Amino acid sequence: MRVPDSPEDGCMTLAAAERLTPPSRLVPGWDEPPPAALLHGIEQFNRGEYWECHETLEALWRAEKRDTRDLYQGILQVGVALHHLRNNNYAGAIKVFRRGLARLQGLPPVCQGVHVLELATAARGVHDAALDLGPDRLAELALPYPVIRIDW
């Protein structure tokens, strides 16, 4: 089966499309309550305190041995990317966005109460808008920054 998107004929194989958007995986701990440090890091993120969020979640990420660590690292990297955007560091923002989005990709849509898919979609939108503007027009970025929604 082929789906539109190949540069040659407007299509790519379904297998290739699935590699771009892998199915979510239920990582051990996905259904556990969010740790207190995650809740604190999300509060910081949602207040725009991206560097502080990084510091809070880095300790949690380093201590976690299970794949739920991708959630913590993905959030902190998206936050660092937003920090770089605010400081007009185009190259740093794009680089760290890509790392953070890769960490979030494939996690369940909701992990430890965090709406991961919603965050990843919003972060991808900011990433793509920054790419469209390029480094010389980054100050024109007018999108709202992502807010992390958590239900627990």
C-alpha atoms as a PDB file:
ATOM      1  CA  MET A   1       0.000   0.000   0.000  1.00  0.00           C
ATOM      2  CA  ARG A   2       1.246   3.483  -0.779  1.00  0.00           C
ATOM      3  CA  VAL A   3       0.332   6.789   0.823  1.00  0.00           C
ATOM      4  CA  PRO A   4       1.044  10.314  -0.494  1.00  0.00           C
ATOM      5  CA  ASP A   5       4.373  11.915   0.430  1.00  0.00           C
ATOM      6  CA  SER A   6       7.213  10.645  -1.740  1.00  0.00           C
ATOM      7  CA  PRO A   7       9.117  13.351  -3.611  1.00  0.00           C
ATOM      8  CA  GLU A   8       9.217  11.185  -6.756  1.00  0.00           C
ATOM      9  CA  ASP A   9       5.565  10.322  -7.200  1.00  0.00           C
ATOM     10  CA  GLY A  10       3.796  11.873  -4.248  1.00  0.00           C
ATOM     11  CA  CYS A  11       3.604   8.497  -2.461  1.00  0.00           C
ATOM     12  CA  MET A  12       5.563   6.409   0.020  1.00  0.00           C
ATOM     13  CA  THR A  13       5.043   2.876   1.249  1.00  0.00           C
ATOM     14  CA  LEU A  14       2.858   2.332   4.294  1.00  0.00           C
ATOM     15  CA  ALA A  15       5.877   0.814   6.053  1.00  0.00           C
ATOM     16  CA  ALA A  16       7.837   4.023   5.474  1.00  0.00           C
ATOM     17  CA  ALA A  17       4.941   6.117   6.779  1.00  0.00           C
ATOM     18  CA  GLU A  18       4.736   3.959   9.908  1.00  0.00           C
ATOM     19  CA  ARG A  19       8.461   4.469  10.564  1.00  0.00           C
ATOM     20  CA  LEU A  20       7.855   8.220  10.593  1.00  0.00           C
ATOM     21  CA  THR A  21       5.099   7.808  13.190  1.00  0.00           C
ATOM     22  CA  PRO A  22       5.806   4.644  15.155  1.00  0.00           C
ATOM     23  CA  PRO A  23       2.994   3.139  17.187  1.00  0.00           C
ATOM     24  CA  SER A  24       2.942   4.100  20.845  1.00  0.00           C
ATOM     25  CA  ARG A  25       4.488   1.703  23.303  1.00  0.00           C
ATOM     26  CA  LEU A  26       3.257   1.098  26.825  1.00  0.00           C
ATOM     27  CA  VAL A  27       6.444   1.727  28.760  1.00  0.00           C
ATOM     28  CA  PRO A  28       6.743   0.361  32.286  1.00  0.00           C
ATOM     29  CA  GLY A  29       5.362   2.958  34.681  1.00  0.00           C
ATOM     30  CA  TRP A  30       3.166   4.729  32.118  1.00  0.00           C
ATOM     31  CA  ASP A  31       0.079   4.245  34.282  1.00  0.00           C
ATOM     32  CA  GLU A  32       1.702   5.209  37.584  1.00  0.00           C
ATOM     33  CA  PRO A  33       0.986   8.492  39.353  1.00  0.00           C
ATOM     34  CA  PRO A  34       3.317  11.294  38.291  1.00  0.00           C
ATOM     35  CA  PRO A  35       6.247  11.799  40.670  1.00  0.00           C
ATOM     36  CA  ALA A  36       6.255  15.051  42.653  1.00  0.00           C
ATOM     37  CA  ALA A  37       9.303  16.283  40.713  1.00  0.00           C
ATOM     38  CA  LEU A  38       7.432  15.794  37.425  1.00  0.00           C
ATOM     39  CA  LEU A  39       4.489  17.826  38.715  1.00  0.00           C
ATOM     40  CA  HIS A  40       6.874  20.571  39.848  1.00  0.00           C
ATOM     41  CA  GLY A  41       8.733  20.526  36.511  1.00  0.00           C
ATOM     42  CA  ILE A  42       5.448  20.812  34.607  1.00  0.00           C
ATOM     43  CA  GLU A  43       4.399  23.787  36.745  1.00  0.00           C
ATOM     44  CA  GLN A  44       7.727  25.450  35.888  1.00  0.00           C
ATOM     45  CA  PHE A  45       7.325  24.619  32.193  1.00  0.00           C
ATOM     46  CA  ASN A  46       3.803  26.044  32.097  1.00  0.00           C
ATOM     47  CA  ARG A  47       5.023  29.279  33.743  1.00  0.00           C
ATOM     48  CA  GLY A  48       7.700  29.619  31.061  1.00  0.00           C
ATOM     49  CA  GLU A  49      10.495  28.765  33.494  1.00  0.00           C
ATOM     50  CA  TYR A  50      12.101  26.431  31.001  1.00  0.00           C
ATOM     51  CA  TRP A  51      15.620  26.375  32.388  1.00  0.00           C
ATOM     52  CA  GLU A  52      14.321  25.723  35.911  1.00  0.00           C
ATOM     53  CA  CYS A  53      12.147  22.927  34.490  1.00  0.00           C
ATOM     54  CA  HIS A  54      15.264  21.445  32.929  1.00  0.00           C
ATOM     55  CA  GLU A  55      17.058  21.443  36.270  1.00  0.00           C
ATOM     56  CA  THR A  56      14.089  19.850  38.057  1.00  0.00           C
ATOM     57  CA  LEU A  57      13.469  17.118  35.494  1.00  0.00           C
ATOM     58  CA  GLU A  58      17.124  16.325  34.841  1.00  0.00           C
ATOM     59  CA  ALA A  59      17.493  14.787  38.300  1.00  0.00           C
ATOM     60  CA  LEU A  60      14.319  12.743  37.775  1.00  0.00           C
ATOM     61  CA  TRP A  61      15.426  11.623  34.309  1.00  0.00           C
ATOM     62  CA  ARG A  62      18.881  10.559  35.486  1.00  0.00           C
ATOM     63  CA  ALA A  63      17.466   8.564  38.406  1.00  0.00           C
ATOM     64  CA  GLU A  64      14.814   6.717  36.348  1.00  0.00           C
ATOM     65  CA  LYS A  65      16.037   3.483  34.746  1.00  0.00           C
ATOM     66  CA  ARG A  66      12.799   2.555  32.945  1.00  0.00           C
ATOM     67  CA  ASP A  67      11.675   3.955  29.601  1.00  0.00           C
ATOM     68  CA  THR A  68       9.452   6.489  31.375  1.00  0.00           C
ATOM     69  CA  ARG A  69      12.689   8.469  31.501  1.00  0.00           C
ATOM     70  CA  ASP A  70      11.943   9.385  27.859  1.00  0.00           C
ATOM     71  CA  LEU A  71       8.940  11.355  29.124  1.00  0.00           C
ATOM     72  CA  TYR A  72      11.052  13.362  31.561  1.00  0.00           C
ATOM     73  CA  GLN A  73      13.895  13.941  29.118  1.00  0.00           C
ATOM     74  CA  GLY A  74      11.514  14.788  26.275  1.00  0.00           C
ATOM     75  CA  ILE A  75       9.718  17.429  28.344  1.00  0.00           C
ATOM     76  CA  LEU A  76      12.952  18.984  29.556  1.00  0.00           C
ATOM     77  CA  GLN A  77      14.400  19.082  26.041  1.00  0.00           C
ATOM     78  CA  VAL A  78      11.279  20.722  24.604  1.00  0.00           C
ATOM     79  CA  GLY A  79      11.566  23.245  27.442  1.00  0.00           C
ATOM     80  CA  VAL A  80      15.218  23.915  26.619  1.00  0.00           C
ATOM     81  CA  ALA A  81      14.278  24.384  22.958  1.00  0.00           C
ATOM     82  CA  LEU A  82      11.672  26.979  23.977  1.00  0.00           C
ATOM     83  CA  HIS A  83      14.295  28.665  26.169  1.00  0.00           C
ATOM     84  CA  HIS A  84      16.587  28.859  23.122  1.00  0.00           C
ATOM     85  CA  LEU A  85      13.759  30.286  21.003  1.00  0.00           C
ATOM     86  CA  ARG A  86      13.114  33.012  23.552  1.00  0.00           C
ATOM     87  CA  ASN A  87      16.797  33.899  23.333  1.00  0.00           C
ATOM     88  CA  ASN A  88      16.803  33.874  19.500  1.00  0.00           C
ATOM     89  CA  ASN A  89      19.134  30.869  19.394  1.00  0.00           C
ATOM     90  CA  TYR A  90      17.715  29.295  16.245  1.00  0.00           C
ATOM     91  CA  ALA A  91      20.280  26.500  15.823  1.00  0.00           C
ATOM     92  CA  GLY A  92      20.088  25.489  19.483  1.00  0.00           C
ATOM     93  CA  ALA A  93      16.288  25.513  19.450  1.00  0.00           C
ATOM     94  CA  ILE A  94      15.955  23.361  16.333  1.00  0.00           C
ATOM     95  CA  LYS A  95      18.578  20.874  17.514  1.00  0.00           C
ATOM     96  CA  VAL A  96      17.028  20.398  20.955  1.00  0.00           C
ATOM     97  CA  PHE A  97      13.452  20.366  19.630  1.00  0.00           C
ATOM     98  CA  ARG A  98      14.395  17.409  17.446  1.00  0.00           C
ATOM     99  CA  ARG A  99      15.931  15.535  20.357  1.00  0.00           C
ATOM    100  CA  GLY A 100      12.966  16.208  22.624  1.00  0.00           C
ATOM    101  CA  LEU A 101      10.368  15.311  20.014  1.00  0.00           C
ATOM    102  CA  ALA A 102      12.207  12.050  19.317  1.00  0.00           C
ATOM    103  CA  ARG A 103      12.018  11.183  23.027  1.00  0.00           C
ATOM    104  CA  LEU A 104       8.274  11.835  23.159  1.00  0.00           C
ATOM    105  CA  GLN A 105       7.544   9.974  19.936  1.00  0.00           C
ATOM    106  CA  GLY A 106       6.138   6.534  20.531  1.00  0.00           C
ATOM    107  CA  LEU A 107       5.161   7.113  24.161  1.00  0.00           C
ATOM    108  CA  PRO A 108       1.504   6.483  24.989  1.00  0.00           C
ATOM    109  CA  PRO A 109      -0.772   9.462  24.209  1.00  0.00           C
ATOM    110  CA  VAL A 110      -1.081   9.915  27.988  1.00  0.00           C
ATOM    111  CA  CYS A 111       1.807   8.832  30.223  1.00  0.00           C
ATOM    112  CA  GLN A 112       1.735   9.328  33.998  1.00  0.00           C
ATOM    113  CA  GLY A 113      -1.218  11.634  33.404  1.00  0.00           C
ATOM    114  CA  VAL A 114       0.734  13.864  30.978  1.00  0.00           C
ATOM    115  CA  HIS A 115      -0.974  14.448  27.628  1.00  0.00           C
ATOM    116  CA  VAL A 116       2.144  13.524  25.638  1.00  0.00           C
ATOM    117  CA  LEU A 117       0.615  13.496  22.173  1.00  0.00           C
ATOM    118  CA  GLU A 118      -0.904  16.940  22.753  1.00  0.00           C
ATOM    119  CA  LEU A 119       2.463  18.315  23.932  1.00  0.00           C
ATOM    120  CA  ALA A 120       4.370  16.729  21.044  1.00  0.00           C
ATOM    121  CA  THR A 121       1.880  18.087  18.503  1.00  0.00           C
ATOM    122  CA  ALA A 122       2.079  21.613  19.926  1.00  0.00           C
ATOM    123  CA  ALA A 123       5.885  21.479  20.162  1.00  0.00           C
ATOM    124  CA  ARG A 124       6.105  20.211  16.570  1.00  0.00           C
ATOM    125  CA  GLY A 125       3.977  23.171  15.495  1.00  0.00           C
ATOM    126  CA  VAL A 126       6.368  25.644  17.133  1.00  0.00           C
ATOM    127  CA  HIS A 127       9.367  23.778  15.677  1.00  0.00           C
ATOM    128  CA  ASP A 128       7.864  23.878  12.184  1.00  0.00           C
ATOM    129  CA  ALA A 129       6.936  27.560  12.471  1.00  0.00           C
ATOM    130  CA  ALA A 130      10.499  28.382  13.548  1.00  0.00           C
ATOM    131  CA  LEU A 131      11.852  26.386  10.603  1.00  0.00           C
ATOM    132  CA  ASP A 132       9.563  28.267   8.216  1.00  0.00           C
ATOM    133  CA  LEU A 133      10.778  31.623   9.541  1.00  0.00           C
ATOM    134  CA  GLY A 134      14.449  30.698   9.650  1.00  0.00           C
ATOM    135  CA  PRO A 135      17.108  32.282  11.860  1.00  0.00           C
ATOM    136  CA  ASP A 136      16.792  35.797  10.438  1.00  0.00           C
ATOM    137  CA  ARG A 137      13.053  36.091  11.130  1.00  0.00           C
ATOM    138  CA  LEU A 138      12.800  34.105  14.368  1.00  0.00           C
ATOM    139  CA  ALA A 139      11.711  37.189  16.322  1.00  0.00           C
ATOM    140  CA  GLU A 140       8.492  37.149  14.253  1.00  0.00           C
ATOM    141  CA  LEU A 141       7.394  33.855  15.802  1.00  0.00           C
ATOM    142  CA  ALA A 142       3.932  34.612  17.146  1.00  0.00           C
ATOM    143  CA  LEU A 143       2.628  31.190  18.134  1.00  0.00           C
ATOM    144  CA  PRO A 144       1.683  30.494  21.725  1.00  0.00           C
ATOM    145  CA  TYR A 145       4.201  28.236  23.399  1.00  0.00           C
ATOM    146  CA  PRO A 146       2.963  24.770  24.394  1.00  0.00           C
ATOM    147  CA  VAL A 147       1.361  24.189  27.760  1.00  0.00           C
ATOM    148  CA  ILE A 148       1.510  20.732  29.305  1.00  0.00           C
ATOM    149  CA  ARG A 149      -1.833  19.305  30.336  1.00  0.00           C
ATOM    150  CA  ILE A 150      -1.841  16.690  33.062  1.00  0.00           C
ATOM    151  CA  ASP A 151      -4.755  14.814  34.584  1.00  0.00           C
ATOM    152  CA  TRP A 152      -4.222  12.743  37.650  1.00  0.00           C
END
